[in-house]
């Protein structure tokens, strides 16, 4: 378990150390990934789908129940680190009000041992606010641990892309994932 916590902290530190400069030609991730070929990696990839389906229920308890008791959430649209069930649930009360719909653009899965794995990459969410829908692309890291045979989220870090992306940078594949063209925003 100490190795898992250390790996989680290193992954979070690497993400937080990224420069925040705005580039002229920011990279837009336009691919919607397919399931990995490896069966164990597919099992880990399916955990995002499970989490995304929990979001679709609109019930913060359904989402918060996917986190380990000692889980950590460093969320996209809150400065507060969430380190227990109540605070993780509290975050999702507000986040679910945006009716989020997500998909993975780029993913790297690492199987750390039989009971722990990491899924890190880029995802895009459609968020609904005041009758409008915006696409938000963010970097993510999930560290999963098995507890009593069930995969739970030990660490979840999500941060909006620091470089602004123009709608013209999105390819048809990204736009089609959400049916129609929407305004693309790096943050809410």
N, C-alpha and C. Protein backbone atom coordinates (compact mmCIF):
# COMPACT_ATOMS: atom_id res chain seq x y z
N UNK A 1 0.82 -1.20 0.00
CA UNK A 1 0.00 0.00 0.00
C UNK A 1 0.85 1.26 0.00
N UNK A 2 2.01 1.25 0.70
CA UNK A 2 2.88 2.42 0.72
C UNK A 2 3.36 2.76 -0.67
N UNK A 3 3.68 1.72 -1.49
CA UNK A 3 4.09 1.94 -2.88
C UNK A 3 2.99 2.62 -3.67
N UNK A 4 1.76 2.20 -3.44
CA UNK A 4 0.61 2.77 -4.14
C UNK A 4 0.43 4.23 -3.77
N UNK A 5 0.52 4.56 -2.50
CA UNK A 5 0.38 5.95 -2.07
C UNK A 5 1.52 6.79 -2.64
N UNK A 6 2.74 6.29 -2.62
CA UNK A 6 3.88 7.02 -3.16
C UNK A 6 3.70 7.27 -4.66
N UNK A 7 3.25 6.25 -5.40
CA UNK A 7 3.01 6.41 -6.83
C UNK A 7 1.94 7.46 -7.08
N UNK A 8 0.89 7.44 -6.28
CA UNK A 8 -0.19 8.41 -6.41
C UNK A 8 0.31 9.83 -6.17
N UNK A 9 1.13 10.01 -5.14
CA UNK A 9 1.65 11.34 -4.83
C UNK A 9 2.60 11.83 -5.91
N UNK A 10 3.42 10.95 -6.46
CA UNK A 10 4.34 11.33 -7.53
C UNK A 10 3.55 11.74 -8.77
N UNK A 11 2.52 10.98 -9.12
CA UNK A 11 1.71 11.32 -10.29
C UNK A 11 1.05 12.68 -10.11
N UNK A 12 0.50 12.94 -8.93
CA UNK A 12 -0.14 14.24 -8.68
C UNK A 12 0.87 15.37 -8.74
N UNK A 13 2.07 15.16 -8.19
CA UNK A 13 3.11 16.20 -8.21
C UNK A 13 3.55 16.50 -9.63
N UNK A 14 3.67 15.48 -10.47
CA UNK A 14 4.07 15.71 -11.85
C UNK A 14 3.04 16.53 -12.59
N UNK A 15 1.76 16.27 -12.36
CA UNK A 15 0.70 17.02 -13.01
C UNK A 15 0.69 18.46 -12.53
N UNK A 16 0.82 18.66 -11.21
CA UNK A 16 0.76 20.01 -10.66
C UNK A 16 1.97 20.84 -11.04
N UNK A 17 3.09 20.21 -11.43
CA UNK A 17 4.29 20.95 -11.79
C UNK A 17 4.25 21.45 -13.23
N UNK A 18 3.20 21.15 -13.98
CA UNK A 18 3.11 21.57 -15.37
C UNK A 18 3.05 23.08 -15.48
N UNK A 19 3.69 23.66 -16.51
CA UNK A 19 3.66 25.11 -16.68
C UNK A 19 2.26 25.59 -17.02
N UNK A 20 1.93 26.81 -16.60
CA UNK A 20 0.60 27.37 -16.84
C UNK A 20 0.60 28.41 -17.95
N UNK A 21 1.62 28.46 -18.77
CA UNK A 21 1.70 29.45 -19.83
C UNK A 21 0.66 29.16 -20.92
N UNK A 22 0.18 30.21 -21.54
CA UNK A 22 -0.75 30.08 -22.66
C UNK A 22 0.07 30.07 -23.94
N UNK A 23 -0.07 29.03 -24.73
CA UNK A 23 0.67 28.89 -25.98
C UNK A 23 -0.19 29.33 -27.15
N UNK A 24 0.48 29.79 -28.22
CA UNK A 24 -0.24 30.19 -29.42
C UNK A 24 -0.93 29.00 -30.08
N UNK A 25 -0.29 27.87 -30.09
CA UNK A 25 -0.82 26.68 -30.74
C UNK A 25 -1.04 25.56 -29.73
N UNK A 26 -1.98 25.76 -28.85
CA UNK A 26 -2.28 24.76 -27.82
C UNK A 26 -2.73 23.46 -28.48
N UNK A 27 -2.39 22.37 -27.87
CA UNK A 27 -2.77 21.05 -28.39
C UNK A 27 -4.20 20.74 -27.97
N UNK A 28 -5.01 20.34 -28.94
CA UNK A 28 -6.36 19.87 -28.66
C UNK A 28 -6.37 18.36 -28.91
N UNK A 29 -6.84 17.60 -27.96
CA UNK A 29 -6.93 16.15 -28.10
C UNK A 29 -8.29 15.83 -28.70
N UNK A 30 -8.27 15.30 -29.92
CA UNK A 30 -9.50 15.12 -30.67
C UNK A 30 -9.92 13.67 -30.85
N UNK A 31 -9.15 12.75 -30.35
CA UNK A 31 -9.45 11.34 -30.53
C UNK A 31 -10.31 10.85 -29.37
N UNK A 32 -11.27 10.01 -29.67
CA UNK A 32 -12.01 9.31 -28.63
C UNK A 32 -11.44 7.90 -28.61
N UNK A 33 -10.78 7.53 -27.49
CA UNK A 33 -10.06 6.26 -27.45
C UNK A 33 -11.01 5.07 -27.42
N UNK A 34 -10.50 3.98 -27.95
CA UNK A 34 -11.23 2.71 -27.86
C UNK A 34 -10.68 1.92 -26.69
N UNK A 35 -11.32 0.84 -26.38
CA UNK A 35 -10.90 0.00 -25.26
C UNK A 35 -9.53 -0.60 -25.54
N UNK A 36 -8.69 -0.73 -24.52
CA UNK A 36 -7.37 -1.35 -24.70
C UNK A 36 -7.50 -2.81 -25.15
N UNK A 37 -6.45 -3.32 -25.80
CA UNK A 37 -6.44 -4.72 -26.25
C UNK A 37 -6.26 -5.68 -25.08
N UNK A 38 -5.44 -5.32 -24.12
CA UNK A 38 -5.14 -6.17 -22.98
C UNK A 38 -6.35 -6.27 -22.04
N UNK A 39 -6.72 -7.48 -21.66
CA UNK A 39 -7.90 -7.70 -20.82
C UNK A 39 -7.82 -7.00 -19.47
N UNK A 40 -6.65 -7.02 -18.82
CA UNK A 40 -6.51 -6.36 -17.52
C UNK A 40 -6.61 -4.85 -17.67
N UNK A 41 -6.05 -4.31 -18.74
CA UNK A 41 -6.16 -2.87 -18.98
C UNK A 41 -7.61 -2.48 -19.32
N UNK A 42 -8.31 -3.35 -20.04
CA UNK A 42 -9.74 -3.10 -20.32
C UNK A 42 -10.55 -3.04 -19.03
N UNK A 43 -10.20 -3.90 -18.08
CA UNK A 43 -10.88 -3.89 -16.78
C UNK A 43 -10.70 -2.54 -16.09
N UNK A 44 -9.48 -2.00 -16.13
CA UNK A 44 -9.21 -0.70 -15.51
C UNK A 44 -9.90 0.41 -16.30
N UNK A 45 -9.85 0.36 -17.62
CA UNK A 45 -10.51 1.37 -18.45
C UNK A 45 -12.01 1.42 -18.17
N UNK A 46 -12.60 0.26 -17.91
CA UNK A 46 -14.04 0.19 -17.63
C UNK A 46 -14.42 0.91 -16.34
N UNK A 47 -13.44 1.12 -15.46
CA UNK A 47 -13.74 1.83 -14.20
C UNK A 47 -14.11 3.28 -14.46
N UNK A 48 -13.53 3.91 -15.49
CA UNK A 48 -13.96 5.27 -15.85
C UNK A 48 -15.40 5.23 -16.35
N UNK A 49 -15.72 4.25 -17.17
CA UNK A 49 -17.09 4.12 -17.68
C UNK A 49 -18.08 3.96 -16.52
N UNK A 50 -17.70 3.18 -15.52
CA UNK A 50 -18.55 3.00 -14.33
C UNK A 50 -18.74 4.33 -13.62
N UNK A 51 -17.65 5.09 -13.45
CA UNK A 51 -17.70 6.40 -12.80
C UNK A 51 -18.56 7.37 -13.62
N UNK A 52 -18.39 7.37 -14.93
CA UNK A 52 -19.15 8.25 -15.83
C UNK A 52 -20.65 7.92 -15.77
N UNK A 53 -20.97 6.63 -15.69
CA UNK A 53 -22.37 6.21 -15.55
C UNK A 53 -22.95 6.66 -14.21
N UNK A 54 -22.12 6.63 -13.17
CA UNK A 54 -22.57 7.12 -11.86
C UNK A 54 -22.87 8.62 -11.94
N UNK A 55 -22.05 9.37 -12.69
CA UNK A 55 -22.34 10.80 -12.89
C UNK A 55 -23.70 10.99 -13.54
N UNK A 56 -23.99 10.16 -14.53
CA UNK A 56 -25.24 10.28 -15.29
C UNK A 56 -26.48 10.07 -14.42
N UNK A 57 -26.33 9.40 -13.28
CA UNK A 57 -27.49 9.20 -12.41
C UNK A 57 -27.90 10.50 -11.71
N UNK A 58 -26.96 11.46 -11.63
CA UNK A 58 -27.24 12.71 -10.93
C UNK A 58 -27.23 12.58 -9.42
N UNK A 59 -26.85 11.42 -8.91
CA UNK A 59 -26.87 11.15 -7.48
C UNK A 59 -25.45 11.20 -6.92
N UNK A 60 -25.11 12.19 -6.08
CA UNK A 60 -23.74 12.30 -5.56
C UNK A 60 -23.31 11.10 -4.72
N UNK A 61 -24.25 10.40 -4.09
CA UNK A 61 -23.90 9.21 -3.32
C UNK A 61 -23.40 8.09 -4.23
N UNK A 62 -24.01 7.96 -5.42
CA UNK A 62 -23.57 6.94 -6.37
C UNK A 62 -22.12 7.18 -6.79
N UNK A 63 -21.75 8.44 -6.96
CA UNK A 63 -20.38 8.78 -7.37
C UNK A 63 -19.42 8.62 -6.19
N UNK A 64 -19.76 9.20 -5.07
CA UNK A 64 -18.88 9.16 -3.89
C UNK A 64 -18.62 7.73 -3.42
N UNK A 65 -19.55 6.83 -3.65
CA UNK A 65 -19.38 5.45 -3.21
C UNK A 65 -18.29 4.72 -4.00
N UNK A 66 -17.84 5.29 -5.09
CA UNK A 66 -16.79 4.68 -5.91
C UNK A 66 -15.39 5.01 -5.40
N UNK A 67 -15.29 5.87 -4.37
CA UNK A 67 -14.01 6.26 -3.79
C UNK A 67 -13.73 5.45 -2.52
N UNK A 68 -12.47 5.10 -2.33
CA UNK A 68 -12.06 4.38 -1.12
C UNK A 68 -12.28 5.27 0.10
N UNK A 69 -12.41 4.66 1.28
CA UNK A 69 -12.61 5.44 2.51
C UNK A 69 -11.51 6.46 2.72
N UNK A 70 -10.28 6.12 2.34
CA UNK A 70 -9.16 7.05 2.46
C UNK A 70 -8.83 7.70 1.12
N UNK A 71 -9.83 7.77 0.23
CA UNK A 71 -9.63 8.34 -1.09
C UNK A 71 -9.39 9.84 -1.06
N UNK A 72 -8.71 10.32 -2.10
CA UNK A 72 -8.43 11.75 -2.26
C UNK A 72 -8.95 12.19 -3.62
N UNK A 73 -9.67 13.31 -3.63
CA UNK A 73 -10.15 13.92 -4.86
C UNK A 73 -9.59 15.33 -4.93
N UNK A 74 -8.81 15.61 -5.98
CA UNK A 74 -8.35 16.96 -6.27
C UNK A 74 -9.10 17.37 -7.54
N UNK A 75 -10.25 18.02 -7.37
CA UNK A 75 -11.18 18.21 -8.48
C UNK A 75 -10.85 19.39 -9.39
N UNK A 76 -11.50 19.38 -10.55
CA UNK A 76 -11.29 20.39 -11.57
C UNK A 76 -11.86 21.75 -11.17
N UNK A 77 -13.07 21.78 -10.64
CA UNK A 77 -13.75 23.06 -10.44
C UNK A 77 -13.92 23.41 -8.96
N UNK A 78 -12.92 23.07 -8.16
CA UNK A 78 -12.90 23.45 -6.75
C UNK A 78 -11.45 23.49 -6.28
N UNK A 79 -11.12 24.46 -5.46
CA UNK A 79 -9.77 24.55 -4.91
C UNK A 79 -9.58 23.65 -3.71
N UNK A 80 -10.66 23.10 -3.18
CA UNK A 80 -10.60 22.31 -1.95
C UNK A 80 -10.23 20.85 -2.24
N UNK A 81 -9.17 20.38 -1.57
CA UNK A 81 -8.83 18.96 -1.62
C UNK A 81 -9.89 18.19 -0.84
N UNK A 82 -10.40 17.12 -1.41
CA UNK A 82 -11.46 16.32 -0.78
C UNK A 82 -10.85 15.01 -0.31
N UNK A 83 -10.91 14.76 1.01
CA UNK A 83 -10.20 13.61 1.57
C UNK A 83 -11.07 12.67 2.40
N UNK A 84 -12.37 12.82 2.31
CA UNK A 84 -13.27 11.89 2.99
C UNK A 84 -14.59 11.84 2.23
N UNK A 85 -15.41 10.86 2.59
CA UNK A 85 -16.67 10.65 1.87
C UNK A 85 -17.51 11.92 1.82
N UNK A 86 -17.68 12.59 2.95
CA UNK A 86 -18.55 13.77 3.02
C UNK A 86 -18.07 14.87 2.08
N UNK A 87 -16.78 15.13 2.05
CA UNK A 87 -16.29 16.23 1.20
C UNK A 87 -16.30 15.84 -0.28
N UNK A 88 -16.05 14.56 -0.58
CA UNK A 88 -16.13 14.10 -1.97
C UNK A 88 -17.58 14.18 -2.44
N UNK A 89 -18.49 13.74 -1.62
CA UNK A 89 -19.92 13.83 -1.97
C UNK A 89 -20.33 15.28 -2.17
N UNK A 90 -19.88 16.15 -1.27
CA UNK A 90 -20.20 17.57 -1.36
C UNK A 90 -19.75 18.16 -2.71
N UNK A 91 -18.56 17.79 -3.16
CA UNK A 91 -18.09 18.28 -4.48
C UNK A 91 -19.06 17.85 -5.58
N UNK A 92 -19.48 16.60 -5.54
CA UNK A 92 -20.33 16.10 -6.62
C UNK A 92 -21.74 16.66 -6.58
N UNK A 93 -22.21 17.14 -5.42
CA UNK A 93 -23.51 17.81 -5.38
C UNK A 93 -23.50 18.96 -6.38
N UNK A 94 -22.46 19.79 -6.33
CA UNK A 94 -22.38 20.94 -7.25
C UNK A 94 -22.03 20.49 -8.66
N UNK A 95 -21.00 19.63 -8.80
CA UNK A 95 -20.55 19.23 -10.13
C UNK A 95 -21.67 18.56 -10.93
N UNK A 96 -22.47 17.75 -10.28
CA UNK A 96 -23.56 17.07 -10.98
C UNK A 96 -24.64 18.03 -11.47
N UNK A 97 -24.70 19.23 -10.88
CA UNK A 97 -25.67 20.21 -11.35
C UNK A 97 -25.36 20.67 -12.78
N UNK A 98 -24.11 20.43 -13.26
CA UNK A 98 -23.72 20.76 -14.63
C UNK A 98 -24.09 19.64 -15.60
N UNK A 99 -24.67 18.56 -15.11
CA UNK A 99 -25.05 17.40 -15.93
C UNK A 99 -23.88 16.96 -16.82
N UNK A 100 -22.75 16.59 -16.22
CA UNK A 100 -21.56 16.27 -17.00
C UNK A 100 -21.68 14.99 -17.82
N UNK A 101 -21.12 15.03 -19.03
CA UNK A 101 -21.01 13.87 -19.91
C UNK A 101 -19.55 13.81 -20.34
N UNK A 102 -18.87 12.71 -20.10
CA UNK A 102 -17.44 12.66 -20.40
C UNK A 102 -17.02 11.54 -21.30
N UNK A 103 -15.86 11.73 -21.93
CA UNK A 103 -15.22 10.66 -22.69
C UNK A 103 -13.71 10.86 -22.65
N UNK A 104 -12.98 9.78 -22.86
CA UNK A 104 -11.53 9.78 -22.79
C UNK A 104 -10.94 10.09 -24.16
N UNK A 105 -9.99 11.04 -24.20
CA UNK A 105 -9.28 11.38 -25.44
C UNK A 105 -7.94 10.67 -25.55
N UNK A 106 -7.24 10.56 -24.46
CA UNK A 106 -5.92 9.93 -24.42
C UNK A 106 -5.77 9.26 -23.08
N UNK A 107 -5.22 8.05 -23.09
CA UNK A 107 -5.15 7.29 -21.85
C UNK A 107 -3.87 6.47 -21.80
N UNK A 108 -3.31 6.39 -20.60
CA UNK A 108 -2.19 5.49 -20.30
C UNK A 108 -2.57 4.74 -19.03
N UNK A 109 -2.59 3.43 -19.11
CA UNK A 109 -2.93 2.60 -17.95
C UNK A 109 -1.67 1.89 -17.49
N UNK A 110 -1.45 1.91 -16.19
CA UNK A 110 -0.33 1.20 -15.58
C UNK A 110 -0.88 0.25 -14.52
N UNK A 111 -0.58 -1.02 -14.66
CA UNK A 111 -0.97 -2.02 -13.67
C UNK A 111 0.17 -2.07 -12.65
N UNK A 112 -0.08 -1.58 -11.45
CA UNK A 112 0.97 -1.46 -10.44
C UNK A 112 1.21 -2.78 -9.72
N UNK A 113 0.15 -3.50 -9.43
CA UNK A 113 0.21 -4.86 -8.89
C UNK A 113 -1.18 -5.45 -9.04
N UNK A 114 -1.44 -6.60 -8.44
CA UNK A 114 -2.75 -7.25 -8.61
C UNK A 114 -3.90 -6.43 -8.04
N UNK A 115 -3.60 -5.56 -7.08
CA UNK A 115 -4.65 -4.81 -6.38
C UNK A 115 -4.56 -3.30 -6.56
N UNK A 116 -3.76 -2.83 -7.50
CA UNK A 116 -3.67 -1.39 -7.72
C UNK A 116 -3.30 -1.09 -9.16
N UNK A 117 -3.83 0.02 -9.66
CA UNK A 117 -3.59 0.43 -11.05
C UNK A 117 -3.77 1.93 -11.15
N UNK A 118 -3.20 2.49 -12.23
CA UNK A 118 -3.33 3.92 -12.49
C UNK A 118 -3.81 4.12 -13.92
N UNK A 119 -4.76 5.03 -14.09
CA UNK A 119 -5.27 5.43 -15.40
C UNK A 119 -5.07 6.93 -15.47
N UNK A 120 -4.28 7.39 -16.42
CA UNK A 120 -3.98 8.82 -16.52
C UNK A 120 -4.07 9.26 -17.97
N UNK A 121 -4.48 10.50 -18.20
CA UNK A 121 -4.59 10.99 -19.57
C UNK A 121 -5.36 12.29 -19.66
N UNK A 122 -6.12 12.38 -20.76
CA UNK A 122 -6.92 13.57 -21.08
C UNK A 122 -8.36 13.14 -21.28
N UNK A 123 -9.30 13.87 -20.67
CA UNK A 123 -10.71 13.63 -20.95
C UNK A 123 -11.41 14.93 -21.27
N UNK A 124 -12.56 14.81 -21.92
CA UNK A 124 -13.38 15.96 -22.28
C UNK A 124 -14.76 15.76 -21.67
N UNK A 125 -15.28 16.85 -21.10
CA UNK A 125 -16.64 16.82 -20.56
C UNK A 125 -17.49 17.88 -21.24
N UNK A 126 -18.74 17.52 -21.49
CA UNK A 126 -19.75 18.50 -21.85
C UNK A 126 -20.43 18.87 -20.53
N UNK A 127 -20.42 20.16 -20.22
CA UNK A 127 -21.06 20.66 -19.00
C UNK A 127 -22.18 21.60 -19.39
N UNK A 128 -23.30 21.49 -18.69
CA UNK A 128 -24.48 22.29 -18.99
C UNK A 128 -24.67 23.32 -17.89
N UNK A 129 -24.80 24.58 -18.30
CA UNK A 129 -25.00 25.65 -17.33
C UNK A 129 -25.82 26.75 -17.99
N UNK A 130 -26.88 27.14 -17.31
CA UNK A 130 -27.75 28.23 -17.79
C UNK A 130 -28.21 27.97 -19.23
N UNK A 131 -28.61 26.75 -19.50
CA UNK A 131 -29.14 26.40 -20.81
C UNK A 131 -28.10 26.26 -21.91
N UNK A 132 -26.83 26.38 -21.58
CA UNK A 132 -25.77 26.26 -22.58
C UNK A 132 -24.88 25.08 -22.23
N UNK A 133 -24.25 24.54 -23.25
CA UNK A 133 -23.34 23.43 -23.09
C UNK A 133 -21.94 23.86 -23.51
N UNK A 134 -20.95 23.55 -22.67
CA UNK A 134 -19.56 23.86 -22.98
C UNK A 134 -18.74 22.59 -22.88
N UNK A 135 -17.77 22.47 -23.78
CA UNK A 135 -16.83 21.36 -23.71
C UNK A 135 -15.62 21.82 -22.93
N UNK A 136 -15.23 21.01 -21.95
CA UNK A 136 -14.07 21.31 -21.12
C UNK A 136 -13.12 20.11 -21.20
N UNK A 137 -11.88 20.38 -21.64
CA UNK A 137 -10.89 19.31 -21.70
C UNK A 137 -10.00 19.44 -20.47
N UNK A 138 -9.67 18.31 -19.86
CA UNK A 138 -8.88 18.32 -18.63
C UNK A 138 -7.92 17.13 -18.60
N UNK A 139 -6.87 17.28 -17.82
CA UNK A 139 -5.95 16.17 -17.54
C UNK A 139 -6.49 15.43 -16.33
N UNK A 140 -6.26 14.12 -16.29
CA UNK A 140 -6.76 13.35 -15.16
C UNK A 140 -5.77 12.27 -14.76
N UNK A 141 -5.85 11.88 -13.51
CA UNK A 141 -5.18 10.68 -13.00
C UNK A 141 -6.11 10.02 -12.00
N UNK A 142 -6.38 8.74 -12.22
CA UNK A 142 -7.09 7.91 -11.24
C UNK A 142 -6.10 6.86 -10.76
N UNK A 143 -6.00 6.68 -9.47
CA UNK A 143 -5.27 5.55 -8.89
C UNK A 143 -6.34 4.70 -8.22
N UNK A 144 -6.39 3.43 -8.64
CA UNK A 144 -7.40 2.50 -8.13
C UNK A 144 -6.75 1.49 -7.18
N UNK A 145 -7.53 1.07 -6.22
CA UNK A 145 -7.10 0.01 -5.31
C UNK A 145 -8.27 -0.96 -5.13
N UNK A 146 -7.95 -2.23 -4.96
CA UNK A 146 -8.99 -3.22 -4.69
C UNK A 146 -9.21 -3.31 -3.19
N UNK A 147 -10.47 -3.18 -2.80
CA UNK A 147 -10.88 -3.30 -1.41
C UNK A 147 -11.96 -4.37 -1.36
N UNK A 148 -11.70 -5.44 -0.65
CA UNK A 148 -12.64 -6.56 -0.56
C UNK A 148 -13.09 -7.04 -1.94
N UNK A 149 -12.13 -7.07 -2.88
CA UNK A 149 -12.41 -7.55 -4.23
C UNK A 149 -13.03 -6.54 -5.17
N UNK A 150 -13.30 -5.33 -4.70
CA UNK A 150 -13.92 -4.29 -5.54
C UNK A 150 -12.93 -3.16 -5.81
N UNK A 151 -12.87 -2.72 -7.07
CA UNK A 151 -12.01 -1.60 -7.42
C UNK A 151 -12.62 -0.30 -6.92
N UNK A 152 -11.84 0.49 -6.18
CA UNK A 152 -12.26 1.81 -5.71
C UNK A 152 -11.21 2.84 -6.07
N UNK A 153 -11.61 4.09 -6.11
CA UNK A 153 -10.69 5.18 -6.45
C UNK A 153 -9.96 5.61 -5.17
N UNK A 154 -8.65 5.47 -5.19
CA UNK A 154 -7.82 5.90 -4.06
C UNK A 154 -7.41 7.37 -4.24
N UNK A 155 -7.10 7.74 -5.48
CA UNK A 155 -6.69 9.11 -5.78
C UNK A 155 -7.25 9.50 -7.13
N UNK A 156 -7.87 10.68 -7.20
CA UNK A 156 -8.40 11.21 -8.45
C UNK A 156 -8.00 12.67 -8.53
N UNK A 157 -7.17 12.97 -9.50
CA UNK A 157 -6.74 14.36 -9.74
C UNK A 157 -7.24 14.75 -11.11
N UNK A 158 -7.86 15.92 -11.21
CA UNK A 158 -8.35 16.43 -12.47
C UNK A 158 -8.06 17.92 -12.54
N UNK A 159 -7.47 18.36 -13.64
CA UNK A 159 -7.18 19.79 -13.79
C UNK A 159 -7.44 20.22 -15.22
N UNK A 160 -8.11 21.35 -15.36
CA UNK A 160 -8.42 21.89 -16.69
C UNK A 160 -7.12 22.18 -17.43
N UNK A 161 -7.17 22.06 -18.73
CA UNK A 161 -6.00 22.34 -19.55
C UNK A 161 -5.64 23.82 -19.39
N UNK A 162 -4.38 24.12 -19.15
CA UNK A 162 -3.98 25.51 -18.90
C UNK A 162 -3.90 26.37 -20.16
N UNK A 163 -3.84 25.75 -21.33
CA UNK A 163 -3.74 26.50 -22.57
C UNK A 163 -5.10 26.55 -23.26
N UNK A 164 -5.53 27.75 -23.63
CA UNK A 164 -6.83 27.93 -24.28
C UNK A 164 -6.86 27.21 -25.63
N UNK A 165 -7.98 26.57 -25.93
CA UNK A 165 -8.17 25.86 -27.19
C UNK A 165 -9.32 26.53 -27.94
N UNK A 166 -9.09 26.81 -29.21
CA UNK A 166 -10.11 27.45 -30.05
C UNK A 166 -11.06 26.38 -30.59
N UNK A 167 -12.34 26.73 -30.78
CA UNK A 167 -13.28 25.75 -31.35
C UNK A 167 -12.81 25.20 -32.70
N UNK A 168 -12.09 26.00 -33.47
CA UNK A 168 -11.63 25.56 -34.78
C UNK A 168 -10.58 24.44 -34.67
N UNK A 169 -9.99 24.25 -33.50
CA UNK A 169 -8.98 23.20 -33.30
C UNK A 169 -9.61 21.83 -33.09
N UNK A 170 -10.89 21.80 -32.83
CA UNK A 170 -11.55 20.51 -32.59
C UNK A 170 -11.88 19.85 -33.92
N UNK A 171 -11.63 18.57 -34.00
CA UNK A 171 -11.97 17.84 -35.21
C UNK A 171 -13.41 17.34 -35.11
N UNK A 172 -13.88 16.83 -36.20
CA UNK A 172 -15.24 16.31 -36.24
C UNK A 172 -15.44 15.20 -35.20
N UNK A 173 -14.41 14.38 -34.97
CA UNK A 173 -14.53 13.26 -34.01
C UNK A 173 -14.91 13.75 -32.62
N UNK A 174 -14.29 14.83 -32.16
CA UNK A 174 -14.60 15.36 -30.84
C UNK A 174 -16.00 15.96 -30.83
N UNK A 175 -16.34 16.70 -31.86
CA UNK A 175 -17.66 17.33 -31.91
C UNK A 175 -18.76 16.30 -32.02
N UNK A 176 -18.53 15.26 -32.79
CA UNK A 176 -19.54 14.22 -32.97
C UNK A 176 -19.81 13.48 -31.66
N UNK A 177 -18.80 13.37 -30.82
CA UNK A 177 -18.99 12.69 -29.55
C UNK A 177 -20.11 13.34 -28.74
N UNK A 178 -20.33 14.62 -28.97
CA UNK A 178 -21.40 15.34 -28.26
C UNK A 178 -22.49 15.82 -29.22
N UNK A 179 -22.61 15.21 -30.37
CA UNK A 179 -23.66 15.41 -31.36
C UNK A 179 -23.51 16.71 -32.15
N UNK A 180 -23.41 17.83 -31.50
CA UNK A 180 -23.35 19.09 -32.23
C UNK A 180 -22.16 19.93 -31.79
N UNK A 181 -21.87 20.97 -32.55
CA UNK A 181 -20.75 21.84 -32.22
C UNK A 181 -21.14 22.76 -31.07
N UNK A 182 -20.25 22.86 -30.12
CA UNK A 182 -20.50 23.69 -28.93
C UNK A 182 -19.30 24.59 -28.71
N UNK A 183 -19.47 25.58 -27.88
CA UNK A 183 -18.34 26.41 -27.50
C UNK A 183 -17.39 25.57 -26.68
N UNK A 184 -16.11 25.74 -26.92
CA UNK A 184 -15.10 24.97 -26.19
C UNK A 184 -14.42 25.90 -25.19
N UNK A 185 -14.40 25.53 -23.93
CA UNK A 185 -13.85 26.38 -22.90
C UNK A 185 -12.84 25.61 -22.07
N UNK A 186 -11.68 26.23 -21.74
CA UNK A 186 -10.71 25.53 -20.92
C UNK A 186 -11.15 25.41 -19.46
N UNK A 187 -11.99 26.31 -18.97
CA UNK A 187 -12.49 26.28 -17.60
C UNK A 187 -13.91 26.79 -17.58
N UNK A 188 -14.63 26.55 -16.46
CA UNK A 188 -15.99 27.08 -16.32
C UNK A 188 -15.95 28.55 -16.05
